[in-house]
Amino acid sequence: MKWSDNTTLTIVIIGAINWLLVGIFRFDLVAFLFGNLSWLSRIIYTLVGLCGLYLISMYGRIRSS
């Protein structure tokens, strides 16, 4: 895997863990650490979303290999 694939996968896994905490414990780790919808937490949420969209391309790369 390329460096960018590993980085984006790590960011998406961190985002998934945050959603797990929200779903089970109603605890938003990003909001706790950086503030509830502060500019920094919004950047983090956007970054996780963009990384998720980037990883959609893995389906095509996996199928072609």
C-alpha atoms as a PDB file:
ATOM      1  CA  MET A   1       0.000   0.000   0.000  1.00  0.00           C
ATOM      2  CA  LYS A   2       1.066   3.525  -0.630  1.00  0.00           C
ATOM      3  CA  TRP A   3       1.812   5.959   2.180  1.00  0.00           C
ATOM      4  CA  SER A   4      -1.340   7.921   1.403  1.00  0.00           C
ATOM      5  CA  ASP A   5      -3.466   4.770   1.621  1.00  0.00           C
ATOM      6  CA  ASN A   6      -2.061   3.914   5.041  1.00  0.00           C
ATOM      7  CA  THR A   7      -2.532   7.456   6.309  1.00  0.00           C
ATOM      8  CA  THR A   8      -6.108   7.767   5.104  1.00  0.00           C
ATOM      9  CA  LEU A   9      -6.978   4.313   6.435  1.00  0.00           C
ATOM     10  CA  THR A  10      -5.604   5.280   9.860  1.00  0.00           C
ATOM     11  CA  ILE A  11      -7.631   8.507   9.894  1.00  0.00           C
ATOM     12  CA  VAL A  12     -10.816   6.667   8.918  1.00  0.00           C
ATOM     13  CA  ILE A  13     -10.229   4.048  11.639  1.00  0.00           C
ATOM     14  CA  ILE A  14      -9.837   6.830  14.214  1.00  0.00           C
ATOM     15  CA  GLY A  15     -13.079   8.342  12.939  1.00  0.00           C
ATOM     16  CA  ALA A  16     -14.800   4.957  13.198  1.00  0.00           C
ATOM     17  CA  ILE A  17     -13.642   4.599  16.802  1.00  0.00           C
ATOM     18  CA  ASN A  18     -15.068   8.049  17.532  1.00  0.00           C
ATOM     19  CA  TRP A  19     -18.435   6.998  16.070  1.00  0.00           C
ATOM     20  CA  LEU A  20     -18.302   3.801  18.132  1.00  0.00           C
ATOM     21  CA  LEU A  21     -17.871   5.910  21.263  1.00  0.00           C
ATOM     22  CA  VAL A  22     -20.757   8.145  20.190  1.00  0.00           C
ATOM     23  CA  GLY A  23     -23.001   5.165  19.504  1.00  0.00           C
ATOM     24  CA  ILE A  24     -22.286   3.220  22.680  1.00  0.00           C
ATOM     25  CA  PHE A  25     -21.481   5.868  25.284  1.00  0.00           C
ATOM     26  CA  ARG A  26     -22.800   9.110  23.693  1.00  0.00           C
ATOM     27  CA  PHE A  27     -19.256  10.454  24.048  1.00  0.00           C
ATOM     28  CA  ASP A  28     -17.800  12.441  21.146  1.00  0.00           C
ATOM     29  CA  LEU A  29     -14.024  12.320  21.608  1.00  0.00           C
ATOM     30  CA  VAL A  30     -13.335  14.941  18.927  1.00  0.00           C
ATOM     31  CA  ALA A  31     -15.772  17.394  20.506  1.00  0.00           C
ATOM     32  CA  PHE A  32     -14.315  16.639  23.944  1.00  0.00           C
ATOM     33  CA  LEU A  33     -10.745  17.297  22.811  1.00  0.00           C
ATOM     34  CA  PHE A  34     -11.270  20.218  20.427  1.00  0.00           C
ATOM     35  CA  GLY A  35     -14.623  21.766  21.349  1.00  0.00           C
ATOM     36  CA  ASN A  36     -18.162  21.216  20.160  1.00  0.00           C
ATOM     37  CA  LEU A  37     -18.101  22.192  16.467  1.00  0.00           C
ATOM     38  CA  SER A  38     -15.148  24.512  16.848  1.00  0.00           C
ATOM     39  CA  TRP A  39     -13.214  25.291  13.673  1.00  0.00           C
ATOM     40  CA  LEU A  40     -10.621  22.646  14.594  1.00  0.00           C
ATOM     41  CA  SER A  41     -13.173  19.893  15.214  1.00  0.00           C
ATOM     42  CA  ARG A  42     -14.928  20.781  11.937  1.00  0.00           C
ATOM     43  CA  ILE A  43     -11.595  20.419  10.124  1.00  0.00           C
ATOM     44  CA  ILE A  44     -11.097  16.995  11.723  1.00  0.00           C
ATOM     45  CA  TYR A  45     -14.613  15.855  10.769  1.00  0.00           C
ATOM     46  CA  THR A  46     -14.041  17.097   7.213  1.00  0.00           C
ATOM     47  CA  LEU A  47     -10.673  15.344   7.012  1.00  0.00           C
ATOM     48  CA  VAL A  48     -12.196  12.044   8.158  1.00  0.00           C
ATOM     49  CA  GLY A  49     -14.976  12.388   5.579  1.00  0.00           C
ATOM     50  CA  LEU A  50     -12.575  13.195   2.752  1.00  0.00           C
ATOM     51  CA  CYS A  51     -10.375  10.250   3.696  1.00  0.00           C
ATOM     52  CA  GLY A  52     -13.433   8.003   3.626  1.00  0.00           C
ATOM     53  CA  LEU A  53     -14.296   9.223   0.144  1.00  0.00           C
ATOM     54  CA  TYR A  54     -10.703   8.655  -0.974  1.00  0.00           C
ATOM     55  CA  LEU A  55     -10.793   5.082   0.300  1.00  0.00           C
ATOM     56  CA  ILE A  56     -13.743   4.302  -1.964  1.00  0.00           C
ATOM     57  CA  SER A  57     -11.136   4.137  -4.740  1.00  0.00           C
ATOM     58  CA  MET A  58      -9.640   1.084  -2.990  1.00  0.00           C
ATOM     59  CA  TYR A  59     -12.543  -1.019  -4.287  1.00  0.00           C
ATOM     60  CA  GLY A  60     -11.424  -0.439  -7.854  1.00  0.00           C
ATOM     61  CA  ARG A  61      -7.769  -1.020  -7.043  1.00  0.00           C
ATOM     62  CA  ILE A  62      -8.509  -4.244  -5.149  1.00  0.00           C
ATOM     63  CA  ARG A  63     -10.680  -5.569  -7.985  1.00  0.00           C
ATOM     64  CA  SER A  64      -8.023  -4.788 -10.617  1.00  0.00           C
ATOM     65  CA  SER A  65      -5.204  -6.554  -8.771  1.00  0.00           C
END
